[in-house]
C-alpha atoms as a PDB file:
ATOM      1  CA  MET A   1       0.000   0.000   0.000  1.00  0.00           C
ATOM      2  CA  ARG A   2       0.990   3.625  -0.456  1.00  0.00           C
ATOM      3  CA  VAL A   3       1.641   5.135   2.979  1.00  0.00           C
ATOM      4  CA  LEU A   4       2.234   8.760   3.972  1.00  0.00           C
ATOM      5  CA  ILE A   5       3.708   9.349   7.436  1.00  0.00           C
ATOM      6  CA  ALA A   6       3.305  12.897   8.764  1.00  0.00           C
ATOM      7  CA  ASP A   7       5.305  13.416  11.943  1.00  0.00           C
ATOM      8  CA  ASP A   8       7.652  16.197  13.032  1.00  0.00           C
ATOM      9  CA  ASP A   9       9.670  13.693  15.060  1.00  0.00           C
ATOM     10  CA  ARG A  10      12.097  12.703  12.312  1.00  0.00           C
ATOM     11  CA  ASP A  11      13.429   9.611  14.111  1.00  0.00           C
ATOM     12  CA  SER A  12       9.961   8.202  14.853  1.00  0.00           C
ATOM     13  CA  ALA A  13       8.756   8.856  11.321  1.00  0.00           C
ATOM     14  CA  ASN A  14      11.804   7.302   9.697  1.00  0.00           C
ATOM     15  CA  MET A  15      11.710   4.261  12.000  1.00  0.00           C
ATOM     16  CA  LEU A  16       8.050   3.660  11.155  1.00  0.00           C
ATOM     17  CA  ALA A  17       8.868   4.057   7.454  1.00  0.00           C
ATOM     18  CA  VAL A  18      11.573   1.383   7.755  1.00  0.00           C
ATOM     19  CA  VAL A  19       9.139  -0.986   9.518  1.00  0.00           C
ATOM     20  CA  LEU A  20       6.493  -0.438   6.820  1.00  0.00           C
ATOM     21  CA  ARG A  21       8.989  -0.997   4.011  1.00  0.00           C
ATOM     22  CA  ASP A  22      10.206  -4.170   5.726  1.00  0.00           C
ATOM     23  CA  GLU A  23       6.592  -5.368   5.712  1.00  0.00           C
ATOM     24  CA  GLY A  24       6.396  -4.890   1.949  1.00  0.00           C
ATOM     25  CA  HIS A  25       4.919  -1.390   1.689  1.00  0.00           C
ATOM     26  CA  GLU A  26       7.462  -0.052  -0.788  1.00  0.00           C
ATOM     27  CA  ALA A  27       5.725   3.254  -1.433  1.00  0.00           C
ATOM     28  CA  VAL A  28       6.264   5.025   1.888  1.00  0.00           C
ATOM     29  CA  VAL A  29       6.945   8.759   2.152  1.00  0.00           C
ATOM     30  CA  VAL A  30       7.570  10.974   5.169  1.00  0.00           C
ATOM     31  CA  ALA A  31       6.580  14.610   5.761  1.00  0.00           C
ATOM     32  CA  GLN A  32       7.818  16.595   8.751  1.00  0.00           C
ATOM     33  CA  ARG A  33       5.219  19.390   8.512  1.00  0.00           C
ATOM     34  CA  GLY A  34       1.466  19.239   8.134  1.00  0.00           C
ATOM     35  CA  ASP A  35       1.379  21.552   5.117  1.00  0.00           C
ATOM     36  CA  GLU A  36       3.992  19.326   3.411  1.00  0.00           C
ATOM     37  CA  ALA A  37       1.831  16.285   4.178  1.00  0.00           C
ATOM     38  CA  LEU A  38      -1.198  17.872   2.507  1.00  0.00           C
ATOM     39  CA  GLU A  39       0.813  18.738  -0.605  1.00  0.00           C
ATOM     40  CA  MET A  40       2.369  15.255  -0.690  1.00  0.00           C
ATOM     41  CA  SER A  41      -1.074  13.675  -0.375  1.00  0.00           C
ATOM     42  CA  ARG A  42      -2.149  15.502  -3.541  1.00  0.00           C
ATOM     43  CA  LEU A  43       0.854  14.231  -5.478  1.00  0.00           C
ATOM     44  CA  PHE A  44       1.365  10.811  -3.868  1.00  0.00           C
ATOM     45  CA  ARG A  45      -2.311   9.772  -3.419  1.00  0.00           C
ATOM     46  CA  PRO A  46      -1.725   7.516  -0.370  1.00  0.00           C
ATOM     47  CA  ASP A  47      -3.896   4.588   0.678  1.00  0.00           C
ATOM     48  CA  VAL A  48      -2.939   5.251   4.312  1.00  0.00           C
ATOM     49  CA  VAL A  49      -2.027   8.446   6.163  1.00  0.00           C
ATOM     50  CA  ILE A  50      -0.447   8.164   9.600  1.00  0.00           C
ATOM     51  CA  ALA A  51      -0.416  11.654  11.109  1.00  0.00           C
ATOM     52  CA  ASP A  52       0.888  13.085  14.337  1.00  0.00           C
ATOM     53  CA  VAL A  53      -1.897  15.209  15.811  1.00  0.00           C
ATOM     54  CA  ASN A  54       0.390  18.039  16.953  1.00  0.00           C
ATOM     55  CA  MET A  55       2.462  19.146  13.948  1.00  0.00           C
ATOM     56  CA  PRO A  56       3.924  22.438  12.745  1.00  0.00           C
ATOM     57  CA  GLY A  57       2.337  24.135   9.753  1.00  0.00           C
ATOM     58  CA  VAL A  58      -0.969  22.286   9.746  1.00  0.00           C
ATOM     59  CA  SER A  59      -2.151  19.963  12.523  1.00  0.00           C
ATOM     60  CA  GLY A  60      -2.824  16.299  11.980  1.00  0.00           C
ATOM     61  CA  SER A  61      -6.488  17.013  12.730  1.00  0.00           C
ATOM     62  CA  ALA A  62      -6.589  19.571   9.915  1.00  0.00           C
ATOM     63  CA  ILE A  63      -4.974  17.013   7.597  1.00  0.00           C
ATOM     64  CA  ALA A  64      -7.658  14.433   8.445  1.00  0.00           C
ATOM     65  CA  ARG A  65     -10.460  16.981   8.061  1.00  0.00           C
ATOM     66  CA  GLU A  66      -9.214  18.156   4.652  1.00  0.00           C
ATOM     67  CA  LEU A  67      -8.664  14.636   3.308  1.00  0.00           C
ATOM     68  CA  LYS A  68     -12.161  13.574   4.419  1.00  0.00           C
ATOM     69  CA  GLU A  69     -13.671  16.688   2.798  1.00  0.00           C
ATOM     70  CA  ARG A  70     -11.656  16.205  -0.386  1.00  0.00           C
ATOM     71  CA  HIS A  71     -12.183  12.452  -0.834  1.00  0.00           C
ATOM     72  CA  GLY A  72     -15.283  11.586   1.200  1.00  0.00           C
ATOM     73  CA  THR A  73     -15.806   7.846   1.423  1.00  0.00           C
ATOM     74  CA  LEU A  74     -12.792   7.290  -0.849  1.00  0.00           C
ATOM     75  CA  SER A  75     -10.386   8.978   1.569  1.00  0.00           C
ATOM     76  CA  PRO A  76      -7.297   7.074   2.690  1.00  0.00           C
ATOM     77  CA  LEU A  77      -7.219   5.183   5.961  1.00  0.00           C
ATOM     78  CA  LEU A  78      -6.430   7.912   8.511  1.00  0.00           C
ATOM     79  CA  ILE A  79      -4.493   6.928  11.626  1.00  0.00           C
ATOM     80  CA  ALA A  80      -3.741   9.538  14.291  1.00  0.00           C
ATOM     81  CA  ILE A  81      -0.741   9.206  16.565  1.00  0.00           C
ATOM     82  CA  SER A  82      -0.221  11.498  19.508  1.00  0.00           C
ATOM     83  CA  GLY A  83       2.046  11.836  22.473  1.00  0.00           C
ATOM     84  CA  ALA A  84       0.359  14.967  23.828  1.00  0.00           C
ATOM     85  CA  TRP A  85      -3.372  14.536  23.167  1.00  0.00           C
ATOM     86  CA  THR A  86      -3.972  11.223  24.900  1.00  0.00           C
ATOM     87  CA  ASN A  87      -7.192  11.330  26.932  1.00  0.00           C
ATOM     88  CA  THR A  88     -10.589   9.954  25.944  1.00  0.00           C
ATOM     89  CA  SER A  89     -12.006  13.305  24.820  1.00  0.00           C
ATOM     90  CA  ASP A  90      -8.997  13.800  22.517  1.00  0.00           C
ATOM     91  CA  ARG A  91      -9.693  10.408  20.946  1.00  0.00           C
ATOM     92  CA  ARG A  92     -13.356  11.291  20.440  1.00  0.00           C
ATOM     93  CA  LEU A  93     -12.351  14.574  18.824  1.00  0.00           C
ATOM     94  CA  GLY A  94     -10.012  12.626  16.544  1.00  0.00           C
ATOM     95  CA  GLY A  95     -12.993  10.647  15.285  1.00  0.00           C
ATOM     96  CA  THR A  96     -15.065  13.753  14.656  1.00  0.00           C
ATOM     97  CA  VAL A  97     -12.363  15.361  12.497  1.00  0.00           C
ATOM     98  CA  GLY A  98     -12.050  12.226  10.385  1.00  0.00           C
ATOM     99  CA  PHE A  99      -9.463   9.885  11.856  1.00  0.00           C
ATOM    100  CA  ASP A 100     -10.368   6.211  11.520  1.00  0.00           C
ATOM    101  CA  HIS A 101      -8.065   5.224  14.400  1.00  0.00           C
ATOM    102  CA  TYR A 102      -6.321   7.111  17.210  1.00  0.00           C
ATOM    103  CA  LEU A 103      -3.107   5.713  18.712  1.00  0.00           C
ATOM    104  CA  VAL A 104      -1.029   7.016  21.596  1.00  0.00           C
ATOM    105  CA  LYS A 105       2.765   7.347  21.304  1.00  0.00           C
ATOM    106  CA  PRO A 106       4.780   5.323  21.556  1.00  0.00           C
ATOM    107  CA  CYS A 107       2.461   3.192  19.489  1.00  0.00           C
ATOM    108  CA  ASP A 108       2.973  -0.504  19.004  1.00  0.00           C
ATOM    109  CA  ARG A 109       4.127  -1.121  15.444  1.00  0.00           C
ATOM    110  CA  THR A 110       2.214  -4.416  15.324  1.00  0.00           C
ATOM    111  CA  GLN A 111      -0.965  -2.452  16.016  1.00  0.00           C
ATOM    112  CA  VAL A 112      -0.187  -0.043  13.155  1.00  0.00           C
ATOM    113  CA  LEU A 113       0.609  -2.938  10.829  1.00  0.00           C
ATOM    114  CA  GLY A 114      -2.601  -4.701  11.857  1.00  0.00           C
ATOM    115  CA  LEU A 115      -4.733  -1.638  11.077  1.00  0.00           C
ATOM    116  CA  ILE A 116      -3.131  -1.315   7.655  1.00  0.00           C
ATOM    117  CA  ARG A 117      -3.483  -5.053   6.981  1.00  0.00           C
ATOM    118  CA  ASP A 118      -7.163  -4.975   7.967  1.00  0.00           C
ATOM    119  CA  SER A 119      -7.748  -2.020   5.645  1.00  0.00           C
ATOM    120  CA  GLN A 120      -5.897  -3.755   2.831  1.00  0.00           C
ATOM    121  CA  ASP A 121      -7.915  -6.940   3.337  1.00  0.00           C
ATOM    122  CA  ALA A 122     -11.193  -4.998   3.381  1.00  0.00           C
ATOM    123  CA  SER A 123     -10.324  -3.063   0.220  1.00  0.00           C
ATOM    124  CA  SER A 124      -9.422  -6.244  -1.640  1.00  0.00           C
ATOM    125  CA  GLY A 125     -12.559  -8.033  -0.498  1.00  0.00           C
ATOM    126  CA  ASN A 126     -10.694 -10.489   1.753  1.00  0.00           C
ATOM    127  CA  PHE A 127     -12.549  -9.646   4.940  1.00  0.00           C
ATOM    128  CA  THR A 128     -11.041 -11.081   8.081  1.00  0.00           C
ATOM    129  CA  LYS A 129     -13.187 -12.084  10.986  1.00  0.00           C
ATOM    130  CA  GLU A 130     -12.211  -8.886  12.858  1.00  0.00           C
ATOM    131  CA  ALA A 131     -12.915  -6.621   9.855  1.00  0.00           C
ATOM    132  CA  ARG A 132     -16.570  -7.693   9.504  1.00  0.00           C
END
C-alpha cells in the first residue's frame, strides 16, 4: 500500500517508514510538517495516512479533516498518533475530524501494521473475521 507518514519527530517517522517498508509497503513517504503532508497527499495519493496530531504548519487534525472533505468515502485510511493529546475526549475529537483510528505514542508497530493489513484486506474483499 501507499503510505504517507506525517510526523515532526524525524526519528519516529523514519523508523516507522523502515518498519512499513520491511513489511512490503514499498511506497512510503515521510513529511515533517502538516502543510507538506497535505501537498504530498495531492501528489502521492496515499492509501494510508499516519499523522501526528500536533504538527507544525498544519495539525494532523486539519490534515484528516481536509482529506475527508476532499475524498469523502474514498479517503485514505487515517491513523492519528499522539504523544500529547492522549485522553478519551482527545480520541473522540479525533474521530469527529475524520481519523479512523487514534493511537497514543509510543504506538505498538504491530498495532499499526494490523490496522493497515485490515484495511488492505477490506479493500481487496478479503474480509477477516475482525474486519466484519
